[in-house]
Amino acid sequence: MNEWIGLIGALAGTAIGGFVTYKLADQKHAFERAAEKECRLITACESIHSLLSEIASCANTLSIMIIKDIEYSSPLKDNILKEKVQLDRLRMLVDFYTPSLNGDVKAITEQFNIVIKAVVEVLFKEYRTNEWESKTVVSATIAATKITRLVQVTQEKLGQLVQFSLGTD
């Protein structure tokens, strides 16, 4: 009988030890997954913030170039955008990580499209009237200004989202 008690004790000890080891490993993996998720969120939000700044800067540059073309006869070049504006990447990151900012990004995209339309018109319009020129400059400048304001508001919202998700108010 003593042999059975020793065997049962050894089996129970092994089972308890295995269960404790499993639970500790599971907790460690859960912690590592949470830390990895937090790291991915921070990296994505940093990218979103950077892309927003790039888009605002690009819109302002394009607006200034339109003014230079129209007011100072310094023609736009067709390779005006040396690097692709990453609106698709911005939308993708917002969809994946901060979907509450979708409306803000949509508004920024709509204003950016106004600037791009003005650039295309300046590049390809052959007959220009004074009315067309002033309308084009005003629309591009207003759109670029709106983009700057929208980007600032969106970046503030993004910062609040990150602070909230990380629990640092």
N, C-alpha and C. Protein backbone atom coordinates (compact mmCIF):
# COMPACT_ATOMS: atom_id res chain seq x y z
N MET A 1 0.80 -1.19 0.00
CA MET A 1 0.00 0.00 0.00
C MET A 1 0.85 1.26 0.00
N ASN A 2 1.96 1.22 0.71
CA ASN A 2 2.84 2.37 0.75
C ASN A 2 3.40 2.70 -0.63
N GLU A 3 3.62 1.62 -1.42
CA GLU A 3 4.11 1.85 -2.77
C GLU A 3 3.10 2.65 -3.59
N TRP A 4 1.81 2.31 -3.39
CA TRP A 4 0.75 3.02 -4.12
C TRP A 4 0.67 4.48 -3.70
N ILE A 5 0.80 4.72 -2.41
CA ILE A 5 0.74 6.10 -1.93
C ILE A 5 1.89 6.91 -2.52
N GLY A 6 3.06 6.32 -2.56
CA GLY A 6 4.23 7.01 -3.15
C GLY A 6 4.02 7.26 -4.63
N LEU A 7 3.46 6.25 -5.34
CA LEU A 7 3.20 6.40 -6.77
C LEU A 7 2.14 7.46 -7.02
N ILE A 8 1.06 7.45 -6.24
CA ILE A 8 -0.01 8.44 -6.37
C ILE A 8 0.55 9.83 -6.05
N GLY A 9 1.36 9.94 -5.03
CA GLY A 9 1.97 11.22 -4.66
C GLY A 9 2.86 11.75 -5.78
N ALA A 10 3.65 10.85 -6.38
CA ALA A 10 4.54 11.25 -7.47
C ALA A 10 3.73 11.71 -8.68
N LEU A 11 2.68 10.95 -9.01
CA LEU A 11 1.83 11.33 -10.15
C LEU A 11 1.11 12.65 -9.89
N ALA A 12 0.60 12.83 -8.67
CA ALA A 12 -0.09 14.07 -8.32
C ALA A 12 0.89 15.24 -8.37
N GLY A 13 2.08 15.03 -7.85
CA GLY A 13 3.11 16.09 -7.88
C GLY A 13 3.48 16.46 -9.31
N THR A 14 3.61 15.44 -10.16
CA THR A 14 3.92 15.68 -11.57
C THR A 14 2.79 16.44 -12.25
N ALA A 15 1.54 16.03 -11.98
CA ALA A 15 0.38 16.70 -12.59
C ALA A 15 0.29 18.15 -12.13
N ILE A 16 0.47 18.37 -10.85
CA ILE A 16 0.40 19.74 -10.31
C ILE A 16 1.54 20.59 -10.88
N GLY A 17 2.72 20.03 -10.91
CA GLY A 17 3.88 20.74 -11.48
C GLY A 17 3.67 21.07 -12.94
N GLY A 18 3.13 20.12 -13.69
CA GLY A 18 2.85 20.35 -15.12
C GLY A 18 1.80 21.43 -15.32
N PHE A 19 0.76 21.39 -14.47
CA PHE A 19 -0.30 22.40 -14.56
C PHE A 19 0.24 23.79 -14.24
N VAL A 20 1.06 23.90 -13.20
CA VAL A 20 1.65 25.19 -12.82
C VAL A 20 2.57 25.69 -13.94
N THR A 21 3.37 24.81 -14.49
CA THR A 21 4.26 25.19 -15.58
C THR A 21 3.47 25.67 -16.79
N TYR A 22 2.40 24.95 -17.12
CA TYR A 22 1.54 25.35 -18.23
C TYR A 22 0.95 26.73 -18.00
N LYS A 23 0.41 26.96 -16.80
CA LYS A 23 -0.22 28.25 -16.48
C LYS A 23 0.81 29.39 -16.56
N LEU A 24 1.99 29.17 -16.03
CA LEU A 24 3.03 30.20 -16.07
C LEU A 24 3.45 30.51 -17.51
N ALA A 25 3.62 29.48 -18.32
CA ALA A 25 3.98 29.68 -19.72
C ALA A 25 2.87 30.40 -20.47
N ASP A 26 1.62 30.04 -20.19
CA ASP A 26 0.48 30.70 -20.83
C ASP A 26 0.42 32.18 -20.46
N GLN A 27 0.66 32.49 -19.19
CA GLN A 27 0.67 33.89 -18.75
C GLN A 27 1.82 34.66 -19.42
N LYS A 28 2.95 34.03 -19.53
CA LYS A 28 4.11 34.66 -20.17
C LYS A 28 3.80 34.94 -21.64
N HIS A 29 3.20 33.99 -22.34
CA HIS A 29 2.85 34.18 -23.75
C HIS A 29 1.79 35.28 -23.91
N ALA A 30 0.82 35.32 -23.00
CA ALA A 30 -0.21 36.37 -23.06
C ALA A 30 0.43 37.74 -22.87
N PHE A 31 1.35 37.84 -21.94
CA PHE A 31 2.05 39.11 -21.70
C PHE A 31 2.87 39.50 -22.93
N GLU A 32 3.58 38.53 -23.53
CA GLU A 32 4.39 38.81 -24.71
C GLU A 32 3.51 39.24 -25.90
N ARG A 33 2.35 38.58 -26.07
CA ARG A 33 1.43 38.96 -27.14
C ARG A 33 0.91 40.38 -26.93
N ALA A 34 0.55 40.72 -25.70
CA ALA A 34 0.06 42.07 -25.39
C ALA A 34 1.15 43.11 -25.65
N ALA A 35 2.38 42.80 -25.25
CA ALA A 35 3.50 43.73 -25.48
C ALA A 35 3.77 43.90 -26.97
N GLU A 36 3.69 42.80 -27.72
CA GLU A 36 3.90 42.87 -29.17
C GLU A 36 2.79 43.67 -29.85
N LYS A 37 1.56 43.47 -29.41
CA LYS A 37 0.43 44.22 -29.96
C LYS A 37 0.60 45.71 -29.68
N GLU A 38 1.01 46.05 -28.48
CA GLU A 38 1.23 47.44 -28.10
C GLU A 38 2.35 48.05 -28.95
N CYS A 39 3.39 47.30 -29.18
CA CYS A 39 4.51 47.77 -30.00
C CYS A 39 4.07 48.01 -31.44
N ARG A 40 3.27 47.09 -32.00
CA ARG A 40 2.76 47.26 -33.37
C ARG A 40 1.87 48.49 -33.46
N LEU A 41 1.03 48.71 -32.44
CA LEU A 41 0.15 49.87 -32.43
C LEU A 41 0.97 51.16 -32.40
N ILE A 42 1.97 51.21 -31.56
CA ILE A 42 2.80 52.41 -31.48
C ILE A 42 3.51 52.67 -32.81
N THR A 43 4.07 51.64 -33.40
CA THR A 43 4.76 51.78 -34.68
C THR A 43 3.80 52.26 -35.77
N ALA A 44 2.60 51.68 -35.81
CA ALA A 44 1.61 52.08 -36.81
C ALA A 44 1.18 53.53 -36.60
N CYS A 45 0.96 53.92 -35.35
CA CYS A 45 0.53 55.29 -35.07
C CYS A 45 1.63 56.29 -35.39
N GLU A 46 2.88 55.92 -35.16
CA GLU A 46 3.99 56.78 -35.56
C GLU A 46 4.00 56.96 -37.08
N SER A 47 3.75 55.88 -37.81
CA SER A 47 3.69 55.96 -39.28
C SER A 47 2.53 56.82 -39.73
N ILE A 48 1.37 56.67 -39.10
CA ILE A 48 0.21 57.49 -39.45
C ILE A 48 0.52 58.96 -39.22
N HIS A 49 1.11 59.27 -38.09
CA HIS A 49 1.46 60.66 -37.76
C HIS A 49 2.42 61.23 -38.81
N SER A 50 3.41 60.45 -39.16
CA SER A 50 4.40 60.89 -40.16
C SER A 50 3.76 61.08 -41.54
N LEU A 51 2.91 60.14 -41.95
CA LEU A 51 2.24 60.26 -43.25
C LEU A 51 1.34 61.48 -43.29
N LEU A 52 0.65 61.76 -42.20
CA LEU A 52 -0.20 62.95 -42.15
C LEU A 52 0.64 64.21 -42.36
N SER A 53 1.78 64.28 -41.70
CA SER A 53 2.67 65.44 -41.86
C SER A 53 3.17 65.57 -43.29
N GLU A 54 3.53 64.44 -43.89
CA GLU A 54 4.02 64.45 -45.27
C GLU A 54 2.94 64.95 -46.23
N ILE A 55 1.72 64.52 -46.02
CA ILE A 55 0.62 64.92 -46.89
C ILE A 55 0.35 66.42 -46.77
N ALA A 56 0.35 66.94 -45.55
CA ALA A 56 0.15 68.38 -45.36
C ALA A 56 1.28 69.17 -46.01
N SER A 57 2.49 68.71 -45.84
CA SER A 57 3.64 69.39 -46.44
C SER A 57 3.56 69.37 -47.96
N CYS A 58 3.19 68.24 -48.51
CA CYS A 58 3.06 68.10 -49.96
C CYS A 58 1.97 69.02 -50.50
N ALA A 59 0.83 69.07 -49.83
CA ALA A 59 -0.27 69.93 -50.28
C ALA A 59 0.15 71.40 -50.26
N ASN A 60 0.87 71.82 -49.22
CA ASN A 60 1.33 73.20 -49.15
C ASN A 60 2.36 73.50 -50.24
N THR A 61 3.25 72.56 -50.49
CA THR A 61 4.25 72.73 -51.55
C THR A 61 3.58 72.85 -52.92
N LEU A 62 2.60 71.98 -53.17
CA LEU A 62 1.89 72.03 -54.45
C LEU A 62 1.15 73.35 -54.61
N SER A 63 0.54 73.82 -53.54
CA SER A 63 -0.18 75.09 -53.58
C SER A 63 0.77 76.24 -53.91
N ILE A 64 1.92 76.25 -53.29
CA ILE A 64 2.92 77.29 -53.56
C ILE A 64 3.40 77.20 -55.01
N MET A 65 3.59 76.00 -55.51
CA MET A 65 4.04 75.84 -56.90
C MET A 65 2.98 76.31 -57.89
N ILE A 66 1.72 76.12 -57.54
CA ILE A 66 0.64 76.62 -58.40
C ILE A 66 0.70 78.15 -58.45
N ILE A 67 0.89 78.75 -57.29
CA ILE A 67 1.00 80.22 -57.23
C ILE A 67 2.20 80.69 -58.04
N LYS A 68 3.32 79.99 -57.90
CA LYS A 68 4.51 80.37 -58.67
C LYS A 68 4.25 80.28 -60.17
N ASP A 69 3.55 79.26 -60.59
CA ASP A 69 3.25 79.09 -62.01
C ASP A 69 2.35 80.21 -62.51
N ILE A 70 1.28 80.45 -61.79
CA ILE A 70 0.28 81.41 -62.26
C ILE A 70 0.73 82.85 -62.08
N GLU A 71 1.25 83.18 -60.92
CA GLU A 71 1.58 84.57 -60.62
C GLU A 71 2.97 84.99 -61.09
N TYR A 72 3.90 84.06 -61.12
CA TYR A 72 5.29 84.43 -61.43
C TYR A 72 5.82 83.74 -62.69
N SER A 73 4.95 83.15 -63.46
CA SER A 73 5.31 82.49 -64.73
C SER A 73 6.47 81.52 -64.57
N SER A 74 6.44 80.78 -63.50
CA SER A 74 7.43 79.74 -63.28
C SER A 74 6.72 78.40 -63.46
N PRO A 75 6.75 77.86 -64.68
CA PRO A 75 5.91 76.70 -65.01
C PRO A 75 6.15 75.47 -64.14
N LEU A 76 5.05 74.80 -63.85
CA LEU A 76 5.13 73.53 -63.14
C LEU A 76 5.76 72.49 -64.05
N LYS A 77 6.49 71.59 -63.45
CA LYS A 77 7.05 70.49 -64.23
C LYS A 77 6.17 69.26 -64.00
N ASP A 78 6.11 68.40 -65.00
CA ASP A 78 5.22 67.25 -64.88
C ASP A 78 5.73 66.22 -63.87
N ASN A 79 6.96 66.36 -63.41
CA ASN A 79 7.47 65.45 -62.37
C ASN A 79 7.44 66.15 -61.01
N ILE A 80 6.41 66.96 -60.82
CA ILE A 80 6.29 67.78 -59.62
C ILE A 80 6.30 66.95 -58.34
N LEU A 81 5.71 65.77 -58.39
CA LEU A 81 5.72 64.88 -57.24
C LEU A 81 6.80 63.83 -57.44
N LYS A 82 7.95 64.08 -56.86
CA LYS A 82 9.07 63.15 -57.02
C LYS A 82 8.78 61.83 -56.33
N GLU A 83 8.14 61.92 -55.19
CA GLU A 83 7.77 60.71 -54.46
C GLU A 83 6.25 60.61 -54.43
N LYS A 84 5.78 59.41 -54.47
CA LYS A 84 4.33 59.17 -54.45
C LYS A 84 3.76 59.56 -53.09
N VAL A 85 2.66 60.28 -53.11
CA VAL A 85 1.95 60.60 -51.88
C VAL A 85 1.27 59.32 -51.42
N GLN A 86 1.49 58.96 -50.17
CA GLN A 86 1.07 57.65 -49.69
C GLN A 86 -0.31 57.67 -49.02
N LEU A 87 -1.30 58.17 -49.74
CA LEU A 87 -2.66 58.19 -49.21
C LEU A 87 -3.20 56.78 -48.99
N ASP A 88 -2.88 55.86 -49.90
CA ASP A 88 -3.35 54.48 -49.75
C ASP A 88 -2.76 53.83 -48.50
N ARG A 89 -1.49 54.05 -48.26
CA ARG A 89 -0.85 53.49 -47.06
C ARG A 89 -1.47 54.11 -45.81
N LEU A 90 -1.73 55.41 -45.84
CA LEU A 90 -2.37 56.07 -44.70
C LEU A 90 -3.74 55.46 -44.42
N ARG A 91 -4.54 55.30 -45.48
CA ARG A 91 -5.88 54.71 -45.30
C ARG A 91 -5.80 53.29 -44.76
N MET A 92 -4.85 52.52 -45.25
CA MET A 92 -4.68 51.14 -44.79
C MET A 92 -4.32 51.10 -43.31
N LEU A 93 -3.36 51.91 -42.89
CA LEU A 93 -2.96 51.93 -41.49
C LEU A 93 -4.10 52.39 -40.58
N VAL A 94 -4.84 53.39 -41.04
CA VAL A 94 -5.98 53.88 -40.25
C VAL A 94 -7.05 52.80 -40.17
N ASP A 95 -7.33 52.12 -41.29
CA ASP A 95 -8.33 51.03 -41.27
C ASP A 95 -7.94 49.93 -40.29
N PHE A 96 -6.66 49.57 -40.26
CA PHE A 96 -6.20 48.47 -39.42
C PHE A 96 -6.06 48.84 -37.94
N TYR A 97 -5.55 50.04 -37.66
CA TYR A 97 -5.16 50.36 -36.29
C TYR A 97 -6.01 51.45 -35.61
N THR A 98 -6.52 52.40 -36.38
CA THR A 98 -7.28 53.51 -35.76
C THR A 98 -8.50 53.83 -36.62
N PRO A 99 -9.44 52.90 -36.74
CA PRO A 99 -10.59 53.12 -37.62
C PRO A 99 -11.45 54.32 -37.24
N SER A 100 -11.35 54.80 -36.03
CA SER A 100 -12.12 55.98 -35.64
C SER A 100 -11.65 57.24 -36.36
N LEU A 101 -10.49 57.18 -37.01
CA LEU A 101 -9.96 58.33 -37.75
C LEU A 101 -10.32 58.28 -39.24
N ASN A 102 -11.12 57.30 -39.66
CA ASN A 102 -11.48 57.17 -41.07
C ASN A 102 -12.11 58.44 -41.64
N GLY A 103 -13.03 59.05 -40.91
CA GLY A 103 -13.69 60.26 -41.39
C GLY A 103 -12.71 61.40 -41.59
N ASP A 104 -11.74 61.52 -40.68
CA ASP A 104 -10.73 62.57 -40.80
C ASP A 104 -9.85 62.35 -42.03
N VAL A 105 -9.45 61.11 -42.25
CA VAL A 105 -8.60 60.80 -43.40
C VAL A 105 -9.37 61.01 -44.70
N LYS A 106 -10.65 60.69 -44.68
CA LYS A 106 -11.48 60.92 -45.87
C LYS A 106 -11.55 62.41 -46.19
N ALA A 107 -11.73 63.24 -45.17
CA ALA A 107 -11.79 64.70 -45.38
C ALA A 107 -10.46 65.22 -45.91
N ILE A 108 -9.35 64.71 -45.38
CA ILE A 108 -8.03 65.12 -45.86
C ILE A 108 -7.86 64.71 -47.32
N THR A 109 -8.27 63.50 -47.66
CA THR A 109 -8.16 63.00 -49.04
C THR A 109 -8.98 63.86 -50.00
N GLU A 110 -10.19 64.23 -49.59
CA GLU A 110 -11.03 65.08 -50.45
C GLU A 110 -10.37 66.42 -50.72
N GLN A 111 -9.78 67.02 -49.70
CA GLN A 111 -9.10 68.30 -49.89
C GLN A 111 -7.84 68.14 -50.73
N PHE A 112 -7.14 67.02 -50.52
CA PHE A 112 -5.93 66.77 -51.31
C PHE A 112 -6.29 66.60 -52.79
N ASN A 113 -7.41 65.98 -53.06
CA ASN A 113 -7.85 65.82 -54.45
C ASN A 113 -8.13 67.17 -55.11
N ILE A 114 -8.59 68.14 -54.34
CA ILE A 114 -8.80 69.49 -54.88
C ILE A 114 -7.46 70.09 -55.30
N VAL A 115 -6.45 69.92 -54.46
CA VAL A 115 -5.11 70.44 -54.80
C VAL A 115 -4.57 69.74 -56.05
N ILE A 116 -4.72 68.43 -56.11
CA ILE A 116 -4.22 67.66 -57.27
C ILE A 116 -4.95 68.08 -58.54
N LYS A 117 -6.25 68.30 -58.43
CA LYS A 117 -7.02 68.75 -59.60
C LYS A 117 -6.49 70.09 -60.09
N ALA A 118 -6.19 70.99 -59.18
CA ALA A 118 -5.63 72.29 -59.56
C ALA A 118 -4.27 72.13 -60.23
N VAL A 119 -3.45 71.24 -59.72
CA VAL A 119 -2.13 70.99 -60.32
C VAL A 119 -2.30 70.48 -61.75
N VAL A 120 -3.18 69.52 -61.93
CA VAL A 120 -3.41 68.95 -63.26
C VAL A 120 -3.91 70.03 -64.22
N GLU A 121 -4.83 70.86 -63.75
CA GLU A 121 -5.34 71.93 -64.60
C GLU A 121 -4.24 72.91 -64.98
N VAL A 122 -3.40 73.26 -64.04
CA VAL A 122 -2.30 74.18 -64.32
C VAL A 122 -1.34 73.57 -65.33
N LEU A 123 -1.09 72.28 -65.18
CA LEU A 123 -0.17 71.60 -66.10
C LEU A 123 -0.71 71.54 -67.53
N PHE A 124 -2.01 71.33 -67.67
CA PHE A 124 -2.55 71.05 -69.00
C PHE A 124 -3.47 72.12 -69.59
N LYS A 125 -3.80 73.14 -68.86
CA LYS A 125 -4.69 74.18 -69.36
C LYS A 125 -3.89 75.11 -70.27
N GLU A 126 -4.34 75.24 -71.50
CA GLU A 126 -3.61 76.08 -72.44
C GLU A 126 -4.12 77.52 -72.43
N TYR A 127 -5.42 77.69 -72.43
CA TYR A 127 -5.98 79.03 -72.45
C TYR A 127 -6.42 79.38 -71.04
N ARG A 128 -5.76 80.37 -70.45
CA ARG A 128 -6.03 80.75 -69.07
C ARG A 128 -6.59 82.16 -69.02
N THR A 129 -7.69 82.30 -68.31
CA THR A 129 -8.24 83.63 -68.08
C THR A 129 -7.84 84.08 -66.68
N ASN A 130 -7.94 85.36 -66.43
CA ASN A 130 -7.63 85.87 -65.09
C ASN A 130 -8.56 85.26 -64.05
N GLU A 131 -9.83 85.10 -64.43
CA GLU A 131 -10.81 84.51 -63.52
C GLU A 131 -10.43 83.08 -63.18
N TRP A 132 -10.04 82.30 -64.20
CA TRP A 132 -9.65 80.91 -63.98
C TRP A 132 -8.41 80.86 -63.08
N GLU A 133 -7.45 81.72 -63.35
CA GLU A 133 -6.22 81.73 -62.55
C GLU A 133 -6.50 82.03 -61.09
N SER A 134 -7.31 83.07 -60.83
CA SER A 134 -7.58 83.42 -59.43
C SER A 134 -8.40 82.32 -58.74
N LYS A 135 -9.34 81.73 -59.47
CA LYS A 135 -10.16 80.65 -58.90
C LYS A 135 -9.27 79.44 -58.57
N THR A 136 -8.34 79.12 -59.43
CA THR A 136 -7.45 77.98 -59.22
C THR A 136 -6.53 78.22 -58.02
N VAL A 137 -5.96 79.40 -57.94
CA VAL A 137 -5.07 79.72 -56.82
C VAL A 137 -5.84 79.68 -55.51
N VAL A 138 -7.01 80.28 -55.49
CA VAL A 138 -7.81 80.32 -54.26
C VAL A 138 -8.22 78.92 -53.84
N SER A 139 -8.71 78.12 -54.76
CA SER A 139 -9.17 76.77 -54.38
C SER A 139 -8.01 75.91 -53.87
N ALA A 140 -6.85 75.98 -54.52
CA ALA A 140 -5.69 75.19 -54.08
C ALA A 140 -5.19 75.67 -52.72
N THR A 141 -5.15 76.98 -52.54
CA THR A 141 -4.66 77.53 -51.27
C THR A 141 -5.60 77.20 -50.12
N ILE A 142 -6.89 77.35 -50.35
CA ILE A 142 -7.87 77.03 -49.30
C ILE A 142 -7.81 75.54 -48.96
N ALA A 143 -7.72 74.69 -49.98
CA ALA A 143 -7.65 73.25 -49.74
C ALA A 143 -6.39 72.90 -48.95
N ALA A 144 -5.25 73.49 -49.31
CA ALA A 144 -4.00 73.22 -48.59
C ALA A 144 -4.10 73.68 -47.13
N THR A 145 -4.73 74.82 -46.91
CA THR A 145 -4.91 75.32 -45.55
C THR A 145 -5.83 74.40 -44.75
N LYS A 146 -6.90 73.93 -45.38
CA LYS A 146 -7.80 73.00 -44.71
C LYS A 146 -7.08 71.70 -44.37
N ILE A 147 -6.25 71.23 -45.28
CA ILE A 147 -5.49 70.00 -45.04
C ILE A 147 -4.61 70.17 -43.80
N THR A 148 -3.93 71.31 -43.72
CA THR A 148 -3.06 71.56 -42.58
C THR A 148 -3.85 71.51 -41.27
N ARG A 149 -5.01 72.16 -41.25
CA ARG A 149 -5.84 72.15 -40.04
C ARG A 149 -6.36 70.75 -39.74
N LEU A 150 -6.84 70.05 -40.77
CA LEU A 150 -7.35 68.69 -40.57
C LEU A 150 -6.25 67.75 -40.06
N VAL A 151 -5.06 67.91 -40.60
CA VAL A 151 -3.94 67.06 -40.16
C VAL A 151 -3.62 67.33 -38.69
N GLN A 152 -3.60 68.58 -38.29
CA GLN A 152 -3.32 68.90 -36.88
C GLN A 152 -4.36 68.28 -35.96
N VAL A 153 -5.62 68.41 -36.33
CA VAL A 153 -6.70 67.84 -35.51
C VAL A 153 -6.58 66.31 -35.47
N THR A 154 -6.31 65.71 -36.61
CA THR A 154 -6.19 64.25 -36.68
C THR A 154 -5.01 63.76 -35.86
N GLN A 155 -3.90 64.48 -35.92
CA GLN A 155 -2.74 64.09 -35.13
C GLN A 155 -3.02 64.20 -33.63
N GLU A 156 -3.78 65.20 -33.23
CA GLU A 156 -4.15 65.32 -31.82
C GLU A 156 -5.04 64.14 -31.40
N LYS A 157 -6.02 63.80 -32.25
CA LYS A 157 -6.88 62.65 -31.96
C LYS A 157 -6.05 61.36 -31.88
N LEU A 158 -5.10 61.23 -32.77
CA LEU A 158 -4.23 60.06 -32.79
C LEU A 158 -3.45 59.96 -31.48
N GLY A 159 -2.91 61.07 -31.03
CA GLY A 159 -2.19 61.09 -29.76
C GLY A 159 -3.07 60.67 -28.60
N GLN A 160 -4.30 61.15 -28.59
CA GLN A 160 -5.24 60.77 -27.53
C GLN A 160 -5.56 59.28 -27.59
N LEU A 161 -5.73 58.75 -28.82
CA LEU A 161 -6.01 57.32 -28.96
C LEU A 161 -4.86 56.48 -28.43
N VAL A 162 -3.64 56.88 -28.74
CA VAL A 162 -2.47 56.13 -28.27
C VAL A 162 -2.37 56.18 -26.76
N GLN A 163 -2.55 57.37 -26.21
CA GLN A 163 -2.49 57.49 -24.74
C GLN A 163 -3.56 56.65 -24.07
N PHE A 164 -4.76 56.68 -24.64
CA PHE A 164 -5.86 55.89 -24.06
C PHE A 164 -5.56 54.40 -24.15
N SER A 165 -5.11 53.94 -25.31
CA SER A 165 -4.88 52.50 -25.48
C SER A 165 -3.70 52.01 -24.64
N LEU A 166 -2.75 52.91 -24.36
CA LEU A 166 -1.62 52.51 -23.53
C LEU A 166 -1.90 52.75 -22.03
N GLY A 167 -3.01 53.41 -21.76
CA GLY A 167 -3.38 53.65 -20.37
C GLY A 167 -2.58 54.75 -19.72
N THR A 168 -2.03 55.67 -20.52
CA THR A 168 -1.27 56.80 -19.97
C THR A 168 -1.99 58.09 -20.30
N ASP A 169 -2.79 58.56 -19.39
CA ASP A 169 -3.54 59.79 -19.62
C ASP A 169 -2.78 60.98 -19.18
